[in-house]
Amino acid sequence: MTEENLAKAIEMSSNVMSILDSWKLSGDEILKVLSLPDDVKVRHLGQFRKNKPLPNSPLVVERIRHVIGIANALRTSYPTNPQMGTFWLNNKTRRFNNQKPIDLIATGELESIVDVRKHLDCAYDWFTDEN
């Protein structure tokens, strides 16, 4: 990996960790959401916030894309008040059988993470229905 690519990967990792931190997920929940390898422990998460890129495995990359997609959709849905995204994530929603979207995300189940993204991002939902 070139120095430039490494710097971009570290920046992206830091941004993803900032998103997950803003959602108030615990370390164990972050491990599940990103489906990090078993050798990555909660104590290692600080490295991803500062100076180490997240693993470049297809599973982790897919989950990173969903996290970023959810964050972008929340920003689009609530452009004038960033706190509303966190508010929405932490309130029960009929669409999810009166469960909080953040609780679905925190399970780490890919299907649940994708369901939250589809609910927020109709373009992504349309794209997945077409394929």
Protein backbone atom coordinates (compact mmCIF):
# COMPACT_ATOMS: atom_id res chain seq x y z
CA MET A 1 0.00 0.00 0.00
CA THR A 2 1.42 3.37 -0.97
CA GLU A 3 1.87 6.11 1.59
CA GLU A 4 -0.96 8.09 0.02
CA ASN A 5 -3.33 5.12 0.05
CA LEU A 6 -2.38 4.35 3.65
CA ALA A 7 -3.13 7.94 4.65
CA LYS A 8 -6.53 7.76 2.93
CA ALA A 9 -7.33 4.43 4.60
CA ILE A 10 -6.39 5.82 8.02
CA GLU A 11 -8.53 8.92 7.43
CA MET A 12 -11.49 6.79 6.32
CA SER A 13 -11.09 4.54 9.37
CA SER A 14 -11.02 7.55 11.65
CA ASN A 15 -14.17 8.93 10.00
CA VAL A 16 -16.03 5.62 10.32
CA MET A 17 -15.04 5.35 13.97
CA SER A 18 -16.27 8.93 14.54
CA ILE A 19 -19.63 8.00 13.03
CA LEU A 20 -19.95 4.91 15.23
CA ASP A 21 -18.84 6.89 18.29
CA SER A 22 -21.44 9.58 17.55
CA TRP A 23 -24.06 6.83 17.53
CA LYS A 24 -22.92 5.92 21.08
CA LEU A 25 -22.14 2.30 20.24
CA SER A 26 -20.09 0.33 22.74
CA GLY A 27 -16.78 -1.21 21.77
CA ASP A 28 -18.32 -4.67 21.58
CA GLU A 29 -21.11 -3.33 19.36
CA ILE A 30 -18.57 -1.68 17.04
CA LEU A 31 -16.74 -4.99 16.70
CA LYS A 32 -20.03 -6.65 15.68
CA VAL A 33 -21.20 -3.87 13.35
CA LEU A 34 -17.93 -3.89 11.42
CA SER A 35 -17.56 -7.68 11.70
CA LEU A 36 -13.93 -7.24 12.68
CA PRO A 37 -11.76 -10.38 12.90
CA ASP A 38 -11.65 -12.27 16.19
CA ASP A 39 -8.10 -11.11 16.91
CA VAL A 40 -9.29 -7.46 17.03
CA LYS A 41 -10.33 -6.58 20.57
CA VAL A 42 -12.11 -3.55 22.00
CA ARG A 43 -8.76 -2.23 23.23
CA HIS A 44 -7.57 -2.02 19.58
CA LEU A 45 -10.38 0.31 18.46
CA GLY A 46 -8.46 3.40 19.56
CA GLN A 47 -5.83 2.61 16.93
CA PHE A 48 -8.50 2.78 14.21
CA ARG A 49 -9.52 6.21 15.51
CA LYS A 50 -5.98 7.55 15.19
CA ASN A 51 -3.32 5.81 13.15
CA LYS A 52 -4.30 2.39 11.83
CA PRO A 53 -6.60 1.50 8.92
CA LEU A 54 -9.50 -0.88 9.41
CA PRO A 55 -8.98 -4.33 7.86
CA ASN A 56 -9.44 -4.36 4.10
CA SER A 57 -11.47 -7.58 3.95
CA PRO A 58 -14.57 -7.66 1.73
CA LEU A 59 -16.88 -8.19 4.71
CA VAL A 60 -15.48 -5.23 6.67
CA VAL A 61 -15.48 -3.00 3.58
CA GLU A 62 -19.13 -3.84 2.86
CA ARG A 63 -20.12 -2.92 6.41
CA ILE A 64 -18.10 0.30 6.25
CA ARG A 65 -20.05 1.24 3.12
CA HIS A 66 -23.34 0.68 4.93
CA VAL A 67 -22.25 2.73 7.95
CA ILE A 68 -21.21 5.60 5.68
CA GLY A 69 -24.43 5.19 3.66
CA ILE A 70 -26.56 5.43 6.81
CA ALA A 71 -24.62 8.47 8.04
CA ASN A 72 -25.00 10.19 4.65
CA ALA A 73 -28.72 9.41 4.53
CA LEU A 74 -29.18 10.84 8.03
CA ARG A 75 -27.33 14.00 6.96
CA THR A 76 -29.59 14.28 3.91
CA SER A 77 -32.74 13.64 5.95
CA TYR A 78 -31.82 16.20 8.62
CA PRO A 79 -29.57 18.77 6.91
CA THR A 80 -30.20 21.63 9.33
CA ASN A 81 -29.91 19.71 12.59
CA PRO A 82 -27.26 16.97 12.82
CA GLN A 83 -28.52 15.89 16.25
CA MET A 84 -31.81 14.77 14.69
CA GLY A 85 -30.06 11.82 13.05
CA THR A 86 -28.95 10.55 16.44
CA PHE A 87 -32.41 11.29 17.82
CA TRP A 88 -34.02 9.24 15.03
CA LEU A 89 -31.61 6.34 15.56
CA ASN A 90 -32.46 6.23 19.28
CA ASN A 91 -36.25 6.30 19.05
CA LYS A 92 -38.58 3.41 18.42
CA THR A 93 -39.93 3.27 14.89
CA ARG A 94 -43.05 1.48 13.66
CA ARG A 95 -41.16 0.46 10.53
CA PHE A 96 -38.94 -1.72 12.72
CA ASN A 97 -41.67 -3.18 14.96
CA ASN A 98 -41.20 -0.46 17.57
CA GLN A 99 -37.49 -1.14 17.89
CA LYS A 100 -34.83 1.54 17.85
CA PRO A 101 -32.84 1.58 14.60
CA ILE A 102 -29.62 1.83 16.61
CA ASP A 103 -30.51 -1.41 18.40
CA LEU A 104 -30.90 -3.13 15.03
CA ILE A 105 -27.55 -1.77 13.87
CA ALA A 106 -25.90 -2.81 17.15
CA THR A 107 -26.83 -6.46 16.62
CA GLY A 108 -24.18 -6.55 13.93
CA GLU A 109 -26.46 -8.56 11.66
CA LEU A 110 -25.86 -7.44 8.10
CA GLU A 111 -29.54 -7.77 7.17
CA SER A 112 -30.56 -5.43 10.00
CA ILE A 113 -27.93 -2.86 9.05
CA VAL A 114 -29.07 -3.00 5.42
CA ASP A 115 -32.73 -2.65 6.49
CA VAL A 116 -31.93 0.58 8.33
CA ARG A 117 -30.03 1.88 5.32
CA LYS A 118 -32.85 0.96 2.93
CA HIS A 119 -35.35 2.77 5.11
CA LEU A 120 -33.27 5.95 5.10
CA ASP A 121 -31.92 5.82 1.56
CA CYS A 122 -34.62 5.15 -1.03
CA ALA A 123 -32.07 5.33 -3.87
CA TYR A 124 -30.08 2.48 -2.29
CA ASP A 125 -33.31 0.53 -1.72
CA TRP A 126 -34.29 1.02 -5.35
CA PHE A 127 -30.83 -0.02 -6.53
CA THR A 128 -30.89 -3.25 -4.49
CA ASP A 129 -34.41 -4.07 -5.70
CA GLU A 130 -33.28 -3.69 -9.31
CA ASN A 131 -30.31 -6.05 -8.88
